[in-house]
């Protein structure tokens, strides 16, 4: 038996990412597909840290992972289930756009679905949006959900 197509949804806990999960879940349900909801905790090895920050990092990291699981991913599982799909969840550390692109490639995703805008409008203006970066680097369809 062949598995249905995999839809990867990149989320940050914002309203647009919540809508992206609902849209992707409906797509997956209609075509017998699967849903992977992924949250990438932004991290760069080049981020300068003070001595105090370096000492606190293991504590902060654990808290950020707990937040990813309980406050970002868990509520979005309920959104997917309300739309007829039992999703898989995933979180990791890294550059959100690059990490989602790699995850989609590694897992053979049919499509990447993301909210058009995330939490940080100012950072998007200065650095560019995650959704824009994914759309430019991806070799599979990317659906931007308003």
Protein backbone atom coordinates (compact mmCIF):
# COMPACT_ATOMS: atom_id res chain seq x y z
CA UNK A 1 0.00 0.00 0.00
CA UNK A 2 1.33 3.42 -0.96
CA UNK A 3 1.32 6.21 1.58
CA UNK A 4 -0.39 9.42 0.58
CA UNK A 5 1.48 12.65 -0.08
CA UNK A 6 3.18 14.37 2.83
CA UNK A 7 2.33 18.01 3.53
CA UNK A 8 4.89 19.80 5.69
CA UNK A 9 3.61 22.80 7.65
CA UNK A 10 6.15 25.19 9.17
CA UNK A 11 4.71 26.90 12.25
CA UNK A 12 5.67 29.55 14.78
CA UNK A 13 2.50 29.72 16.86
CA UNK A 14 1.14 32.79 15.05
CA UNK A 15 -2.40 33.09 13.68
CA UNK A 16 -1.18 32.65 10.07
CA UNK A 17 0.60 29.41 11.04
CA UNK A 18 -2.60 28.19 12.70
CA UNK A 19 -4.48 28.87 9.47
CA UNK A 20 -1.70 27.11 7.51
CA UNK A 21 -2.22 23.96 9.61
CA UNK A 22 -5.97 24.05 8.96
CA UNK A 23 -5.48 24.47 5.20
CA UNK A 24 -2.83 21.73 5.00
CA UNK A 25 -4.94 19.35 7.11
CA UNK A 26 -7.91 19.83 4.77
CA UNK A 27 -5.68 19.22 1.73
CA UNK A 28 -4.23 16.07 3.29
CA UNK A 29 -7.68 14.79 4.31
CA UNK A 30 -9.06 15.28 0.79
CA UNK A 31 -6.30 13.31 -0.90
CA UNK A 32 -5.48 10.68 1.71
CA UNK A 33 -2.28 12.47 2.62
CA UNK A 34 -0.22 12.87 5.75
CA UNK A 35 0.63 15.97 7.73
CA UNK A 36 3.88 16.91 9.43
CA UNK A 37 3.72 20.03 11.63
CA UNK A 38 7.23 21.40 12.24
CA UNK A 39 8.51 24.17 14.47
CA UNK A 40 12.10 25.31 14.09
CA UNK A 41 13.50 27.15 17.08
CA UNK A 42 15.68 29.86 15.61
CA UNK A 43 19.30 29.39 16.54
CA UNK A 44 22.60 30.34 15.01
CA UNK A 45 26.01 29.11 16.09
CA UNK A 46 27.24 32.60 15.34
CA UNK A 47 25.03 34.34 17.91
CA UNK A 48 27.32 36.10 20.39
CA UNK A 49 26.63 35.20 24.01
CA UNK A 50 27.79 36.81 27.22
CA UNK A 51 29.23 34.54 29.90
CA UNK A 52 25.91 34.71 31.80
CA UNK A 53 23.95 33.79 28.64
CA UNK A 54 26.29 30.88 27.93
CA UNK A 55 25.78 29.55 31.46
CA UNK A 56 21.99 29.88 31.21
CA UNK A 57 21.79 28.39 27.71
CA UNK A 58 21.07 24.76 28.76
CA UNK A 59 18.21 25.95 31.01
CA UNK A 60 16.83 28.30 28.35
CA UNK A 61 17.13 25.59 25.69
CA UNK A 62 15.09 23.14 27.75
CA UNK A 63 12.41 25.80 28.33
CA UNK A 64 12.29 26.68 24.63
CA UNK A 65 11.86 23.02 23.70
CA UNK A 66 9.05 22.66 26.24
CA UNK A 67 7.39 25.76 24.79
CA UNK A 68 7.72 24.29 21.29
CA UNK A 69 6.04 21.04 22.33
CA UNK A 70 3.35 22.34 24.68
CA UNK A 71 2.48 25.86 23.58
CA UNK A 72 3.13 25.79 19.84
CA UNK A 73 2.79 22.22 18.54
CA UNK A 74 0.16 20.73 20.89
CA UNK A 75 -2.55 23.33 20.11
CA UNK A 76 -1.90 22.91 16.38
CA UNK A 77 -2.34 19.14 16.63
CA UNK A 78 -5.88 19.89 17.80
CA UNK A 79 -6.42 22.16 14.77
CA UNK A 80 -5.31 19.36 12.43
CA UNK A 81 -7.49 16.81 14.21
CA UNK A 82 -10.48 19.17 13.96
CA UNK A 83 -9.86 19.13 10.19
CA UNK A 84 -9.74 15.34 9.94
CA UNK A 85 -6.02 14.51 10.14
CA UNK A 86 -3.84 12.95 12.84
CA UNK A 87 -0.55 14.82 12.33
CA UNK A 88 3.02 14.02 13.16
CA UNK A 89 4.97 16.77 14.95
CA UNK A 90 8.61 17.76 14.79
CA UNK A 91 10.82 20.43 16.31
CA UNK A 92 14.49 21.23 16.05
CA UNK A 93 16.98 24.07 16.30
CA UNK A 94 18.35 26.06 13.39
CA UNK A 95 17.55 28.51 10.66
CA UNK A 96 13.79 28.13 10.08
CA UNK A 97 13.85 28.46 6.28
CA UNK A 98 16.88 26.25 5.73
CA UNK A 99 15.73 23.66 8.28
CA UNK A 100 12.23 23.40 6.79
CA UNK A 101 13.66 23.13 3.28
CA UNK A 102 15.99 20.31 4.37
CA UNK A 103 13.21 18.54 6.29
CA UNK A 104 10.92 18.68 3.25
CA UNK A 105 13.66 17.23 1.04
CA UNK A 106 14.65 14.53 3.55
CA UNK A 107 11.06 13.42 4.16
CA UNK A 108 9.95 13.63 0.52
CA UNK A 109 7.25 16.24 1.15
CA UNK A 110 4.81 16.99 -1.65
CA UNK A 111 4.35 20.59 -0.52
CA UNK A 112 5.47 23.05 2.14
CA UNK A 113 2.70 25.11 3.71
CA UNK A 114 3.51 28.20 5.79
CA UNK A 115 1.77 31.31 7.03
CA UNK A 116 2.50 34.32 4.88
CA UNK A 117 3.58 36.31 7.91
CA UNK A 118 4.89 35.13 11.25
CA UNK A 119 5.29 36.71 14.66
CA UNK A 120 7.97 39.28 13.92
CA UNK A 121 7.02 41.91 11.36
CA UNK A 122 10.06 44.12 12.10
CA UNK A 123 12.53 41.25 11.79
CA UNK A 124 10.87 40.27 8.50
CA UNK A 125 11.36 43.77 7.12
CA UNK A 126 15.04 43.79 8.07
CA UNK A 127 16.00 40.16 7.45
CA UNK A 128 13.34 38.92 5.06
CA UNK A 129 10.52 36.55 5.89
CA UNK A 130 10.89 32.84 6.46
CA UNK A 131 8.06 32.20 3.98
CA UNK A 132 9.80 34.28 1.30
CA UNK A 133 13.10 32.46 1.86
CA UNK A 134 11.41 29.05 1.64
CA UNK A 135 9.59 30.03 -1.55
CA UNK A 136 12.91 31.03 -3.15
CA UNK A 137 14.94 27.98 -2.12
CA UNK A 138 12.34 25.22 -2.48
CA UNK A 139 12.15 22.90 -5.45
CA UNK A 140 8.66 21.71 -4.44
CA UNK A 141 5.45 23.78 -4.30
CA UNK A 142 5.14 26.23 -1.40
CA UNK A 143 1.71 27.39 -0.29
CA UNK A 144 1.62 30.73 1.56
CA UNK A 145 -1.49 31.08 3.71
CA UNK A 146 -2.65 34.59 4.67
